[in-house]
C-alpha atoms as a PDB file:
ATOM      1  CA  MET A   1     106.842 109.587  69.729  1.00  0.00           C
ATOM      2  CA  SER A   2     108.128 106.262  71.051  1.00  0.00           C
ATOM      3  CA  ALA A   3     107.927 105.129  74.669  1.00  0.00           C
ATOM      4  CA  ASP A   4     111.549 105.582  75.730  1.00  0.00           C
ATOM      5  CA  TYR A   5     111.432 106.930  79.302  1.00  0.00           C
ATOM      6  CA  PRO A   6     109.821 106.042  82.690  1.00  0.00           C
ATOM      7  CA  LEU A   7     106.085 106.608  82.321  1.00  0.00           C
ATOM      8  CA  ALA A   8     104.337 107.932  85.446  1.00  0.00           C
ATOM      9  CA  LEU A   9     100.662 106.941  85.416  1.00  0.00           C
ATOM     10  CA  GLU A  10      97.382 108.333  86.736  1.00  0.00           C
ATOM     11  CA  PRO A  11      95.339 105.275  87.825  1.00  0.00           C
ATOM     12  CA  ARG A  12      91.651 104.509  87.740  1.00  0.00           C
ATOM     13  CA  TYR A  13      89.798 104.449  91.080  1.00  0.00           C
ATOM     14  CA  ASP A  14      86.906 102.067  91.710  1.00  0.00           C
ATOM     15  CA  GLU A  15      84.289 102.500  94.428  1.00  0.00           C
ATOM     16  CA  ARG A  16      83.418  99.237  96.202  1.00  0.00           C
ATOM     17  CA  PRO A  17      80.961  98.512  99.031  1.00  0.00           C
ATOM     18  CA  TRP A  18      83.806  96.991 101.076  1.00  0.00           C
ATOM     19  CA  GLY A  19      86.310  99.810 100.412  1.00  0.00           C
ATOM     20  CA  GLY A  20      87.582 102.650 102.571  1.00  0.00           C
ATOM     21  CA  ARG A  21      89.874 105.692 102.399  1.00  0.00           C
ATOM     22  CA  ARG A  22      93.338 104.277 103.166  1.00  0.00           C
ATOM     23  CA  LEU A  23      94.475 104.704  99.580  1.00  0.00           C
ATOM     24  CA  ALA A  24      94.516 108.397 100.530  1.00  0.00           C
ATOM     25  CA  THR A  25      95.556 108.277 104.187  1.00  0.00           C
ATOM     26  CA  ARG A  26      98.218 105.569 103.842  1.00  0.00           C
ATOM     27  CA  LEU A  27      99.342 105.977 100.219  1.00  0.00           C
ATOM     28  CA  GLY A  28      98.711 109.669  99.578  1.00  0.00           C
ATOM     29  CA  LYS A  29      96.396 109.148  96.626  1.00  0.00           C
ATOM     30  CA  ARG A  30      94.026 111.889  95.502  1.00  0.00           C
ATOM     31  CA  LEU A  31      90.736 110.056  95.752  1.00  0.00           C
ATOM     32  CA  PRO A  32      87.289 111.300  94.768  1.00  0.00           C
ATOM     33  CA  ASP A  33      85.866 113.426  97.578  1.00  0.00           C
ATOM     34  CA  ALA A  34      83.273 110.879  98.665  1.00  0.00           C
ATOM     35  CA  GLY A  35      82.682 107.172  98.494  1.00  0.00           C
ATOM     36  CA  ARG A  36      84.319 103.954  99.612  1.00  0.00           C
ATOM     37  CA  ILE A  37      87.230 103.486  97.249  1.00  0.00           C
ATOM     38  CA  GLY A  38      88.294  99.859  97.178  1.00  0.00           C
ATOM     39  CA  GLU A  39      90.729  99.683  94.283  1.00  0.00           C
ATOM     40  CA  SER A  40      93.262 101.737  92.403  1.00  0.00           C
ATOM     41  CA  TRP A  41      93.965 100.194  88.988  1.00  0.00           C
ATOM     42  CA  GLU A  42      97.517 101.321  88.305  1.00  0.00           C
ATOM     43  CA  THR A  43      98.212  99.809  84.872  1.00  0.00           C
ATOM     44  CA  THR A  44      94.779  99.471  83.328  1.00  0.00           C
ATOM     45  CA  GLY A  45      94.493 100.417  79.667  1.00  0.00           C
ATOM     46  CA  VAL A  46      92.818 103.734  80.504  1.00  0.00           C
ATOM     47  CA  ALA A  47      95.588 104.818  82.915  1.00  0.00           C
ATOM     48  CA  ARG A  48      97.143 108.023  81.534  1.00  0.00           C
ATOM     49  CA  VAL A  49     100.746 109.113  81.381  1.00  0.00           C
ATOM     50  CA  VAL A  50     101.291 112.283  83.416  1.00  0.00           C
ATOM     51  CA  ASN A  51     104.919 113.139  82.608  1.00  0.00           C
ATOM     52  CA  GLY A  52     107.088 113.903  79.605  1.00  0.00           C
ATOM     53  CA  PRO A  53     106.229 114.149  75.907  1.00  0.00           C
ATOM     54  CA  LEU A  54     103.661 111.334  76.093  1.00  0.00           C
ATOM     55  CA  ALA A  55     101.585 113.002  78.834  1.00  0.00           C
ATOM     56  CA  GLY A  56      97.876 112.447  78.193  1.00  0.00           C
ATOM     57  CA  ALA A  57      98.297 109.200  76.281  1.00  0.00           C
ATOM     58  CA  THR A  58      96.688 106.092  77.735  1.00  0.00           C
ATOM     59  CA  LEU A  59      98.585 102.895  78.319  1.00  0.00           C
ATOM     60  CA  GLN A  60      96.436 101.115  75.734  1.00  0.00           C
ATOM     61  CA  GLU A  61      97.220 103.782  73.140  1.00  0.00           C
ATOM     62  CA  LEU A  62     100.933 103.251  73.729  1.00  0.00           C
ATOM     63  CA  VAL A  63     100.527  99.474  73.433  1.00  0.00           C
ATOM     64  CA  GLU A  64      98.946  99.992  70.021  1.00  0.00           C
ATOM     65  CA  ARG A  65     101.407 102.680  68.935  1.00  0.00           C
ATOM     66  CA  ASP A  66     104.686 101.107  70.028  1.00  0.00           C
ATOM     67  CA  PRO A  67     104.222  97.489  71.179  1.00  0.00           C
ATOM     68  CA  ALA A  68     107.848  96.443  70.708  1.00  0.00           C
ATOM     69  CA  GLY A  69     109.273  99.466  72.497  1.00  0.00           C
ATOM     70  CA  LEU A  70     106.807  99.410  75.383  1.00  0.00           C
ATOM     71  CA  LEU A  71     106.202  95.701  75.972  1.00  0.00           C
ATOM     72  CA  GLY A  72     109.276  93.968  74.584  1.00  0.00           C
ATOM     73  CA  GLU A  73     109.440  90.448  73.204  1.00  0.00           C
ATOM     74  CA  ARG A  74     108.136  88.710  76.318  1.00  0.00           C
ATOM     75  CA  GLY A  75     105.526  91.377  76.980  1.00  0.00           C
ATOM     76  CA  ARG A  76     104.193  91.179  73.433  1.00  0.00           C
ATOM     77  CA  ALA A  77     103.887  87.406  73.697  1.00  0.00           C
ATOM     78  CA  ALA A  78     101.991  87.764  76.988  1.00  0.00           C
ATOM     79  CA  SER A  79      99.666  90.364  75.476  1.00  0.00           C
ATOM     80  CA  GLN A  80      98.406  88.020  72.766  1.00  0.00           C
ATOM     81  CA  PRO A  81      95.757  87.579  71.516  1.00  0.00           C
ATOM     82  CA  PHE A  82      94.335  90.622  73.318  1.00  0.00           C
ATOM     83  CA  ASN A  83      96.917  93.244  72.279  1.00  0.00           C
ATOM     84  CA  ASP A  84      96.793  94.863  75.703  1.00  0.00           C
ATOM     85  CA  PHE A  85      99.100  95.614  78.619  1.00  0.00           C
ATOM     86  CA  PRO A  86      99.306  92.079  80.048  1.00  0.00           C
ATOM     87  CA  LEU A  87      99.873  92.808  83.757  1.00  0.00           C
ATOM     88  CA  LEU A  88      97.468  94.719  85.970  1.00  0.00           C
ATOM     89  CA  ALA A  89      98.828  96.260  89.167  1.00  0.00           C
ATOM     90  CA  LYS A  90      96.398  97.392  91.861  1.00  0.00           C
ATOM     91  CA  PHE A  91      96.284  98.809  95.349  1.00  0.00           C
ATOM     92  CA  ILE A  92      93.331  97.342  97.297  1.00  0.00           C
ATOM     93  CA  ASP A  93      91.818  98.695 100.525  1.00  0.00           C
ATOM     94  CA  ALA A  94      89.540  96.153 102.211  1.00  0.00           C
ATOM     95  CA  GLU A  95      87.718  97.882 105.059  1.00  0.00           C
ATOM     96  CA  GLU A  96      85.322  94.918 105.000  1.00  0.00           C
ATOM     97  CA  THR A  97      85.870  91.355 103.822  1.00  0.00           C
ATOM     98  CA  LEU A  98      85.533  90.917 100.063  1.00  0.00           C
ATOM     99  CA  SER A  99      83.221  88.384  98.451  1.00  0.00           C
ATOM    100  CA  VAL A 100      84.295  84.749  98.335  1.00  0.00           C
ATOM    101  CA  GLN A 101      85.259  84.331  94.699  1.00  0.00           C
ATOM    102  CA  VAL A 102      87.003  82.316  92.028  1.00  0.00           C
ATOM    103  CA  HIS A 103      88.932  83.391  88.944  1.00  0.00           C
ATOM    104  CA  PRO A 104      89.117  80.919  86.052  1.00  0.00           C
ATOM    105  CA  ASP A 105      92.430  79.824  84.603  1.00  0.00           C
ATOM    106  CA  ASP A 106      93.392  80.606  81.016  1.00  0.00           C
ATOM    107  CA  GLU A 107      91.738  77.455  79.723  1.00  0.00           C
ATOM    108  CA  GLY A 108      88.474  78.224  81.479  1.00  0.00           C
ATOM    109  CA  ALA A 109      88.506  81.889  80.428  1.00  0.00           C
ATOM    110  CA  ALA A 110      89.245  81.262  76.747  1.00  0.00           C
ATOM    111  CA  PRO A 111      85.628  80.414  75.730  1.00  0.00           C
ATOM    112  CA  LEU A 112      84.649  83.788  77.202  1.00  0.00           C
ATOM    113  CA  GLY A 113      87.211  85.596  75.067  1.00  0.00           C
ATOM    114  CA  GLN A 114      89.339  86.540  78.058  1.00  0.00           C
ATOM    115  CA  ARG A 115      92.489  85.422  79.856  1.00  0.00           C
ATOM    116  CA  GLY A 116      92.532  83.800  83.268  1.00  0.00           C
ATOM    117  CA  LYS A 117      93.638  85.442  86.460  1.00  0.00           C
ATOM    118  CA  THR A 118      96.505  84.230  88.593  1.00  0.00           C
ATOM    119  CA  GLU A 119      97.551  86.932  91.060  1.00  0.00           C
ATOM    120  CA  ALA A 120      99.875  87.729  93.953  1.00  0.00           C
ATOM    121  CA  TRP A 121      99.231  89.932  96.976  1.00  0.00           C
ATOM    122  CA  HIS A 122     101.786  91.850  99.015  1.00  0.00           C
ATOM    123  CA  ILE A 123     100.375  93.017 102.346  1.00  0.00           C
ATOM    124  CA  LEU A 124     101.045  96.695 103.100  1.00  0.00           C
ATOM    125  CA  ASP A 125      98.961  97.039 106.246  1.00  0.00           C
ATOM    126  CA  ALA A 126      96.751  94.796 108.362  1.00  0.00           C
ATOM    127  CA  THR A 127      95.079  94.705 111.737  1.00  0.00           C
ATOM    128  CA  ALA A 128      95.869  92.105 114.397  1.00  0.00           C
ATOM    129  CA  GLU A 129      92.735  90.206 113.321  1.00  0.00           C
ATOM    130  CA  SER A 130      93.306  90.397 109.548  1.00  0.00           C
ATOM    131  CA  PHE A 131      93.200  87.260 107.432  1.00  0.00           C
ATOM    132  CA  LEU A 132      92.936  86.018 103.877  1.00  0.00           C
ATOM    133  CA  ILE A 133      90.692  83.227 102.666  1.00  0.00           C
ATOM    134  CA  THR A 134      93.087  80.953 100.792  1.00  0.00           C
ATOM    135  CA  GLY A 135      91.126  77.835  99.794  1.00  0.00           C
ATOM    136  CA  PHE A 136      89.093  75.064 101.427  1.00  0.00           C
ATOM    137  CA  GLN A 137      90.140  73.456 104.698  1.00  0.00           C
ATOM    138  CA  GLU A 138      89.672  69.990 103.169  1.00  0.00           C
ATOM    139  CA  PRO A 139      88.707  68.503  99.772  1.00  0.00           C
ATOM    140  CA  VAL A 140      85.131  69.349  98.785  1.00  0.00           C
ATOM    141  CA  THR A 141      82.756  68.489  95.965  1.00  0.00           C
ATOM    142  CA  PRO A 142      80.580  71.022  94.119  1.00  0.00           C
ATOM    143  CA  GLU A 143      77.559  69.387  95.751  1.00  0.00           C
ATOM    144  CA  ARG A 144      78.959  70.002  99.219  1.00  0.00           C
ATOM    145  CA  VAL A 145      79.677  73.632  98.360  1.00  0.00           C
ATOM    146  CA  ARG A 146      76.121  74.128  97.037  1.00  0.00           C
ATOM    147  CA  LEU A 147      74.672  72.633 100.211  1.00  0.00           C
ATOM    148  CA  ALA A 148      76.848  74.869 102.386  1.00  0.00           C
ATOM    149  CA  LEU A 149      75.709  77.912 100.402  1.00  0.00           C
ATOM    150  CA  GLU A 150      72.045  76.935 100.820  1.00  0.00           C
ATOM    151  CA  ARG A 151      72.531  76.560 104.568  1.00  0.00           C
ATOM    152  CA  GLU A 152      74.609  79.747 104.893  1.00  0.00           C
ATOM    153  CA  GLU A 153      77.475  77.589 106.190  1.00  0.00           C
ATOM    154  CA  ILE A 154      80.102  78.221 103.524  1.00  0.00           C
ATOM    155  CA  GLY A 155      82.326  79.968 106.071  1.00  0.00           C
ATOM    156  CA  THR A 156      82.868  76.685 107.908  1.00  0.00           C
ATOM    157  CA  LEU A 157      84.573  75.175 104.856  1.00  0.00           C
ATOM    158  CA  LEU A 158      87.001  77.998 104.180  1.00  0.00           C
ATOM    159  CA  GLU A 159      90.681  78.158 105.105  1.00  0.00           C
ATOM    160  CA  ARG A 160      91.777  81.392 106.776  1.00  0.00           C
ATOM    161  CA  LEU A 161      95.377  82.585 106.809  1.00  0.00           C
ATOM    162  CA  PRO A 162      96.352  85.299 109.327  1.00  0.00           C
ATOM    163  CA  VAL A 163      98.559  87.934 107.677  1.00  0.00           C
ATOM    164  CA  SER A 164     100.585  90.978 108.604  1.00  0.00           C
ATOM    165  CA  ALA A 165     102.436  93.726 106.769  1.00  0.00           C
ATOM    166  CA  GLY A 166     105.264  92.366 104.628  1.00  0.00           C
ATOM    167  CA  ASP A 167     103.639  89.017 103.781  1.00  0.00           C
ATOM    168  CA  THR A 168     103.331  87.923 100.158  1.00  0.00           C
ATOM    169  CA  VAL A 169     100.723  85.401  98.984  1.00  0.00           C
ATOM    170  CA  ILE A 170     100.395  83.902  95.503  1.00  0.00           C
ATOM    171  CA  VAL A 171      96.875  82.948  94.360  1.00  0.00           C
ATOM    172  CA  PRO A 172      96.678  80.480  91.457  1.00  0.00           C
ATOM    173  CA  ALA A 173      93.666  80.788  89.163  1.00  0.00           C
ATOM    174  CA  GLY A 174      90.900  78.417  90.243  1.00  0.00           C
ATOM    175  CA  THR A 175      91.491  78.996  93.976  1.00  0.00           C
ATOM    176  CA  VAL A 176      88.529  80.021  96.125  1.00  0.00           C
ATOM    177  CA  HIS A 177      89.692  83.139  97.958  1.00  0.00           C
ATOM    178  CA  ALA A 178      88.874  86.478  99.563  1.00  0.00           C
ATOM    179  CA  ILE A 179      90.693  89.420 101.150  1.00  0.00           C
ATOM    180  CA  GLY A 180      89.708  89.899 104.776  1.00  0.00           C
ATOM    181  CA  ALA A 181      88.696  93.092 106.568  1.00  0.00           C
ATOM    182  CA  GLY A 182      91.467  95.459 107.589  1.00  0.00           C
ATOM    183  CA  VAL A 183      93.905  94.465 104.828  1.00  0.00           C
ATOM    184  CA  LEU A 184      95.600  97.012 102.580  1.00  0.00           C
ATOM    185  CA  LEU A 185      97.563  95.308  99.822  1.00  0.00           C
ATOM    186  CA  TYR A 186      99.274  95.545  96.466  1.00  0.00           C
ATOM    187  CA  GLU A 187      98.202  93.098  93.785  1.00  0.00           C
ATOM    188  CA  ILE A 188      99.882  92.029  90.565  1.00  0.00           C
ATOM    189  CA  GLN A 189      97.863  89.815  88.237  1.00  0.00           C
ATOM    190  CA  GLU A 190      97.180  88.718  84.725  1.00  0.00           C
ATOM    191  CA  SER A 191      95.289  91.569  83.103  1.00  0.00           C
ATOM    192  CA  SER A 192      91.734  90.300  83.549  1.00  0.00           C
ATOM    193  CA  ASP A 193      88.618  91.304  85.458  1.00  0.00           C
ATOM    194  CA  LEU A 194      86.925  87.905  85.180  1.00  0.00           C
ATOM    195  CA  THR A 195      85.594  87.270  88.692  1.00  0.00           C
ATOM    196  CA  PHE A 196      82.903  84.798  89.735  1.00  0.00           C
ATOM    197  CA  ARG A 197      81.351  85.593  93.141  1.00  0.00           C
ATOM    198  CA  LEU A 198      80.432  82.516  95.131  1.00  0.00           C
ATOM    199  CA  TYR A 199      79.252  84.235  98.323  1.00  0.00           C
ATOM    200  CA  ASP A 200      78.997  87.860  99.504  1.00  0.00           C
ATOM    201  CA  TRP A 201      78.221  87.626 103.237  1.00  0.00           C
ATOM    202  CA  GLY A 202      74.651  88.911 102.749  1.00  0.00           C
ATOM    203  CA  ARG A 203      75.950  92.314 101.689  1.00  0.00           C
ATOM    204  CA  ARG A 204      73.547  94.714  99.947  1.00  0.00           C
ATOM    205  CA  ASP A 205      74.102  97.820  97.836  1.00  0.00           C
ATOM    206  CA  GLN A 206      72.829 101.341  98.568  1.00  0.00           C
ATOM    207  CA  HIS A 207      69.453 100.349  97.100  1.00  0.00           C
ATOM    208  CA  GLY A 208      69.107  97.336  99.369  1.00  0.00           C
ATOM    209  CA  ARG A 209      69.804  94.829  96.621  1.00  0.00           C
ATOM    210  CA  PRO A 210      72.263  91.941  96.947  1.00  0.00           C
ATOM    211  CA  ARG A 211      75.193  91.963  94.559  1.00  0.00           C
ATOM    212  CA  GLN A 212      75.067  89.480  91.706  1.00  0.00           C
ATOM    213  CA  LEU A 213      76.482  86.030  92.404  1.00  0.00           C
ATOM    214  CA  HIS A 214      77.861  83.579  89.843  1.00  0.00           C
ATOM    215  CA  VAL A 215      77.581  80.281  91.687  1.00  0.00           C
ATOM    216  CA  GLU A 216      77.521  77.902  88.725  1.00  0.00           C
ATOM    217  CA  GLU A 217      80.321  79.748  86.935  1.00  0.00           C
ATOM    218  CA  ALA A 218      82.396  79.784  90.126  1.00  0.00           C
ATOM    219  CA  LEU A 219      81.908  76.059  90.691  1.00  0.00           C
ATOM    220  CA  ALA A 220      82.900  75.327  87.084  1.00  0.00           C
ATOM    221  CA  ALA A 221      86.073  77.420  87.446  1.00  0.00           C
ATOM    222  CA  LEU A 222      86.900  76.081  90.911  1.00  0.00           C
ATOM    223  CA  ARG A 223      89.926  73.857  91.474  1.00  0.00           C
ATOM    224  CA  PRO A 224      89.155  72.667  95.036  1.00  0.00           C
ATOM    225  CA  ASP A 225      92.658  71.330  95.675  1.00  0.00           C
ATOM    226  CA  ARG A 226      94.352  74.666  95.001  1.00  0.00           C
ATOM    227  CA  HIS A 227      95.374  77.036  97.760  1.00  0.00           C
ATOM    228  CA  ALA A 228      96.795  80.501  97.941  1.00  0.00           C
ATOM    229  CA  ARG A 229     100.223  80.161  99.568  1.00  0.00           C
ATOM    230  CA  ARG A 230     102.366  82.521 101.587  1.00  0.00           C
ATOM    231  CA  THR A 231     105.801  82.661  99.973  1.00  0.00           C
ATOM    232  CA  ARG A 232     109.187  82.984 101.657  1.00  0.00           C
ATOM    233  CA  PRO A 233     111.022  85.955 100.113  1.00  0.00           C
ATOM    234  CA  LEU A 234     114.481  85.163  98.722  1.00  0.00           C
ATOM    235  CA  GLU A 235     117.106  87.889  98.734  1.00  0.00           C
ATOM    236  CA  LEU A 236     119.145  88.321  95.568  1.00  0.00           C
ATOM    237  CA  ASP A 237     121.267  91.131  96.968  1.00  0.00           C
ATOM    238  CA  THR A 238     121.028  93.727  99.716  1.00  0.00           C
ATOM    239  CA  ASP A 239     118.430  95.820  97.874  1.00  0.00           C
ATOM    240  CA  ARG A 240     116.582  93.295  95.701  1.00  0.00           C
ATOM    241  CA  THR A 241     114.330  90.466  96.939  1.00  0.00           C
ATOM    242  CA  ILE A 242     112.140  88.065  94.970  1.00  0.00           C
ATOM    243  CA  LEU A 243     108.675  87.806  96.531  1.00  0.00           C
ATOM    244  CA  ALA A 244     106.772  85.607  94.044  1.00  0.00           C
ATOM    245  CA  ALA A 245     107.339  84.137  90.588  1.00  0.00           C
ATOM    246  CA  CYS A 246     105.229  82.250  88.061  1.00  0.00           C
ATOM    247  CA  ARG A 247     104.881  82.050  84.288  1.00  0.00           C
ATOM    248  CA  TYR A 248     102.818  85.255  84.215  1.00  0.00           C
ATOM    249  CA  PHE A 249     104.780  87.606  86.453  1.00  0.00           C
ATOM    250  CA  LEU A 250     107.814  88.096  88.646  1.00  0.00           C
ATOM    251  CA  LEU A 251     107.257  90.214  91.760  1.00  0.00           C
ATOM    252  CA  GLU A 252     110.285  91.733  93.489  1.00  0.00           C
ATOM    253  CA  ARG A 253     110.969  94.309  96.182  1.00  0.00           C
ATOM    254  CA  TRP A 254     113.556  96.937  95.286  1.00  0.00           C
ATOM    255  CA  SER A 255     114.998  99.061  98.096  1.00  0.00           C
ATOM    256  CA  VAL A 256     116.965 102.231  97.340  1.00  0.00           C
ATOM    257  CA  GLN A 257     118.927 104.450  99.701  1.00  0.00           C
ATOM    258  CA  GLY A 258     120.962 106.993  97.780  1.00  0.00           C
ATOM    259  CA  SER A 259     121.499 106.016  94.172  1.00  0.00           C
ATOM    260  CA  ALA A 260     121.151 102.678  92.382  1.00  0.00           C
ATOM    261  CA  ARG A 261     121.590 101.761  88.741  1.00  0.00           C
ATOM    262  CA  ARG A 262     119.772  98.749  87.361  1.00  0.00           C
ATOM    263  CA  ALA A 263     120.582  97.145  84.039  1.00  0.00           C
ATOM    264  CA  ARG A 264     117.561  95.664  82.274  1.00  0.00           C
ATOM    265  CA  PRO A 265     117.055  93.038  79.544  1.00  0.00           C
ATOM    266  CA  ALA A 266     116.586  95.591  76.757  1.00  0.00           C
ATOM    267  CA  GLY A 267     113.870  94.676  74.309  1.00  0.00           C
ATOM    268  CA  GLN A 268     112.570  91.785  76.423  1.00  0.00           C
ATOM    269  CA  THR A 269     110.066  93.090  78.979  1.00  0.00           C
ATOM    270  CA  PHE A 270     108.651  96.191  80.600  1.00  0.00           C
ATOM    271  CA  HIS A 271     108.770  96.699  84.371  1.00  0.00           C
ATOM    272  CA  VAL A 272     106.011  98.060  86.583  1.00  0.00           C
ATOM    273  CA  LEU A 273     107.394  99.969  89.590  1.00  0.00           C
ATOM    274  CA  SER A 274     105.013 100.938  92.386  1.00  0.00           C
ATOM    275  CA  CYS A 275     106.361 102.966  95.290  1.00  0.00           C
ATOM    276  CA  THR A 276     105.230 101.729  98.711  1.00  0.00           C
ATOM    277  CA  GLN A 277     107.553 103.847 100.884  1.00  0.00           C
ATOM    278  CA  GLY A 278     109.500 107.070 100.425  1.00  0.00           C
ATOM    279  CA  GLU A 279     110.118 108.891  97.164  1.00  0.00           C
ATOM    280  CA  ALA A 280     112.678 108.785  94.377  1.00  0.00           C
ATOM    281  CA  ARG A 281     113.666 110.017  90.951  1.00  0.00           C
ATOM    282  CA  VAL A 282     113.621 107.324  88.272  1.00  0.00           C
ATOM    283  CA  SER A 283     115.738 108.194  85.219  1.00  0.00           C
ATOM    284  CA  GLY A 284     116.243 106.299  81.990  1.00  0.00           C
ATOM    285  CA  GLY A 285     116.103 106.867  78.259  1.00  0.00           C
ATOM    286  CA  SER A 286     115.099 110.414  77.405  1.00  0.00           C
ATOM    287  CA  ALA A 287     113.392 111.615  80.621  1.00  0.00           C
ATOM    288  CA  THR A 288     112.850 111.291  84.361  1.00  0.00           C
ATOM    289  CA  ALA A 289     109.882 110.519  86.607  1.00  0.00           C
ATOM    290  CA  GLU A 290     109.490 111.839  90.145  1.00  0.00           C
ATOM    291  CA  VAL A 291     107.788 109.064  92.120  1.00  0.00           C
ATOM    292  CA  LYS A 292     106.224 109.265  95.592  1.00  0.00           C
ATOM    293  CA  VAL A 293     104.576 106.669  97.782  1.00  0.00           C
ATOM    294  CA  GLY A 294     101.434 105.296  96.152  1.00  0.00           C
ATOM    295  CA  GLN A 295     102.542 106.143  92.609  1.00  0.00           C
ATOM    296  CA  THR A 296     103.384 103.780  89.750  1.00  0.00           C
ATOM    297  CA  VAL A 297     105.688 104.077  86.753  1.00  0.00           C
ATOM    298  CA  VAL A 298     106.156 101.769  83.796  1.00  0.00           C
ATOM    299  CA  LEU A 299     109.659 101.244  82.456  1.00  0.00           C
ATOM    300  CA  PRO A 300     109.320 100.513  78.731  1.00  0.00           C
ATOM    301  CA  ALA A 301     111.231  97.522  77.388  1.00  0.00           C
ATOM    302  CA  ARG A 302     113.278  99.824  75.175  1.00  0.00           C
ATOM    303  CA  ILE A 303     115.160 101.261  78.178  1.00  0.00           C
ATOM    304  CA  ASP A 304     118.296  99.202  78.866  1.00  0.00           C
ATOM    305  CA  ALA A 305     119.071 100.729  82.296  1.00  0.00           C
ATOM    306  CA  VAL A 306     117.541 103.015  84.899  1.00  0.00           C
ATOM    307  CA  THR A 307     118.986 105.067  87.719  1.00  0.00           C
ATOM    308  CA  ILE A 308     116.939 105.457  90.902  1.00  0.00           C
ATOM    309  CA  GLU A 309     117.891 108.245  93.319  1.00  0.00           C
ATOM    310  CA  GLY A 310     116.272 108.765  96.715  1.00  0.00           C
ATOM    311  CA  THR A 311     115.105 106.707  99.671  1.00  0.00           C
ATOM    312  CA  ALA A 312     112.277 104.432  98.624  1.00  0.00           C
ATOM    313  CA  THR A 313     110.852 100.936  98.435  1.00  0.00           C
ATOM    314  CA  PHE A 314     109.325  99.705  95.184  1.00  0.00           C
ATOM    315  CA  LEU A 315     107.358  96.630  94.239  1.00  0.00           C
ATOM    316  CA  ALA A 316     108.643  95.712  90.787  1.00  0.00           C
ATOM    317  CA  SER A 317     106.935  93.388  88.311  1.00  0.00           C
ATOM    318  CA  CYS A 318     107.711  92.105  84.838  1.00  0.00           C
ATOM    319  CA  VAL A 319     107.019  89.222  82.465  1.00  0.00           C
ATOM    320  CA  PRO A 320     109.858  86.866  83.402  1.00  0.00           C
ATOM    321  CA  ASP A 321     112.172  84.358  81.845  1.00  0.00           C
ATOM    322  CA  LEU A 322     111.898  82.046  84.851  1.00  0.00           C
ATOM    323  CA  GLU A 323     115.117  80.177  84.223  1.00  0.00           C
ATOM    324  CA  HIS A 324     117.230  83.284  83.590  1.00  0.00           C
ATOM    325  CA  ASP A 325     115.568  85.755  85.979  1.00  0.00           C
ATOM    326  CA  VAL A 326     114.695  83.483  88.907  1.00  0.00           C
ATOM    327  CA  VAL A 327     116.193  79.988  88.976  1.00  0.00           C
ATOM    328  CA  ALA A 328     119.753  80.638  87.815  1.00  0.00           C
ATOM    329  CA  PRO A 329     120.495  83.665  90.042  1.00  0.00           C
ATOM    330  CA  LEU A 330     118.892  82.064  93.114  1.00  0.00           C
ATOM    331  CA  LEU A 331     120.797  78.812  92.649  1.00  0.00           C
ATOM    332  CA  ALA A 332     123.964  80.890  92.307  1.00  0.00           C
ATOM    333  CA  ARG A 333     123.107  82.553  95.630  1.00  0.00           C
ATOM    334  CA  GLY A 334     122.962  79.133  97.282  1.00  0.00           C
ATOM    335  CA  TYR A 335     119.207  78.568  97.615  1.00  0.00           C
ATOM    336  CA  ASP A 336     117.995  75.001  97.131  1.00  0.00           C
ATOM    337  CA  ALA A 337     115.343  73.805  94.708  1.00  0.00           C
ATOM    338  CA  GLU A 338     112.563  73.561  97.297  1.00  0.00           C
ATOM    339  CA  ALA A 339     113.118  77.123  98.491  1.00  0.00           C
ATOM    340  CA  ILE A 340     112.957  78.422  94.931  1.00  0.00           C
ATOM    341  CA  ALA A 341     109.933  76.347  93.924  1.00  0.00           C
ATOM    342  CA  GLN A 342     107.755  77.739  96.737  1.00  0.00           C
ATOM    343  CA  LEU A 343     107.862  81.187  95.109  1.00  0.00           C
ATOM    344  CA  ALA A 344     105.294  79.894  92.597  1.00  0.00           C
ATOM    345  CA  GLY A 345     102.867  78.509  95.171  1.00  0.00           C
ATOM    346  CA  ASP A 346     100.610  75.761  93.783  1.00  0.00           C
ATOM    347  CA  THR A 347     101.330  76.549  90.130  1.00  0.00           C
ATOM    348  CA  HIS A 348     104.482  74.347  89.852  1.00  0.00           C
ATOM    349  CA  ASP A 349     105.770  76.767  87.211  1.00  0.00           C
ATOM    350  CA  LEU A 350     109.348  76.559  88.490  1.00  0.00           C
ATOM    351  CA  HIS A 351     109.534  72.782  88.830  1.00  0.00           C
ATOM    352  CA  ARG A 352     110.720  71.967  85.332  1.00  0.00           C
ATOM    353  CA  PHE A 353     113.722  74.247  85.757  1.00  0.00           C
ATOM    354  CA  LEU A 354     114.608  72.655  89.079  1.00  0.00           C
ATOM    355  CA  GLY A 355     114.258  68.949  88.307  1.00  0.00           C
ATOM    356  CA  LEU A 356     111.308  68.549  90.676  1.00  0.00           C
END
């Protein structure tokens, strides 16, 4: 059976020492009875379809069974050479501050047989004191970072960005970063779990042991001049807003009140839809998915249009054609080149389409 309808997914939950329970209390997820759940991996390869004829199949099985129908031309290109689902969506609950870490870029990850990890965060909830670590306050050398680590002074070098619900931040690979305490967010990223911990605030596990650090690997992957940047959302129409865009992913907010029909570039890319408010029925192809807050569906590339009925807000991601999906429609809406370019943060991915 081909993937020809909206696929509702059961995610994978990961316990983390910095996690909490807001994935249940805020997003309605059915978490394990105990433990500090930090992450919900929505589109990992082991996520299972829970609706329609393909119920029980994993996302990876569908990639292998029907790559053209599920991923589309752009999605298949992005999945190479790993033959996987190329975008990983997550919900992350940071009750405590995460480790200070670095993800390598594609070039740095290739010798390890993996892809790099550029990501974007959309803040769903935050306290008045919440922040993100988004880079270094000033240029640093690896030697200065090592010395700060030895002296337990690394915190003095780090840039902190206060955030609140509704903010979007794009994090280029190679950026030193961390999610601060009190933040609940949605993440879209290259499908990779390659993380090098630089510092973990002296945290210890239930056995009293510190978590493993990867200082030399982190310093090798580090691009000290890179920063995670807060983007300025650009509205395409009354119910569709672009939040972030780079070569790997396009992140949009879709708002629905009543009924909305969306045409899609059939055969080009899948879409990941994660509901952050309300509930709706998503129909397309041969079946329908009922989606509530905290749930995710994948729209296979084969579907050329979907109808969404209800009152809901979705975060929608795909593998973009930056010129066609981002630059051209935003220029037509009257936005200037600088406004459009900032959607990609420090990656400069949009510059060549804008003459910058």
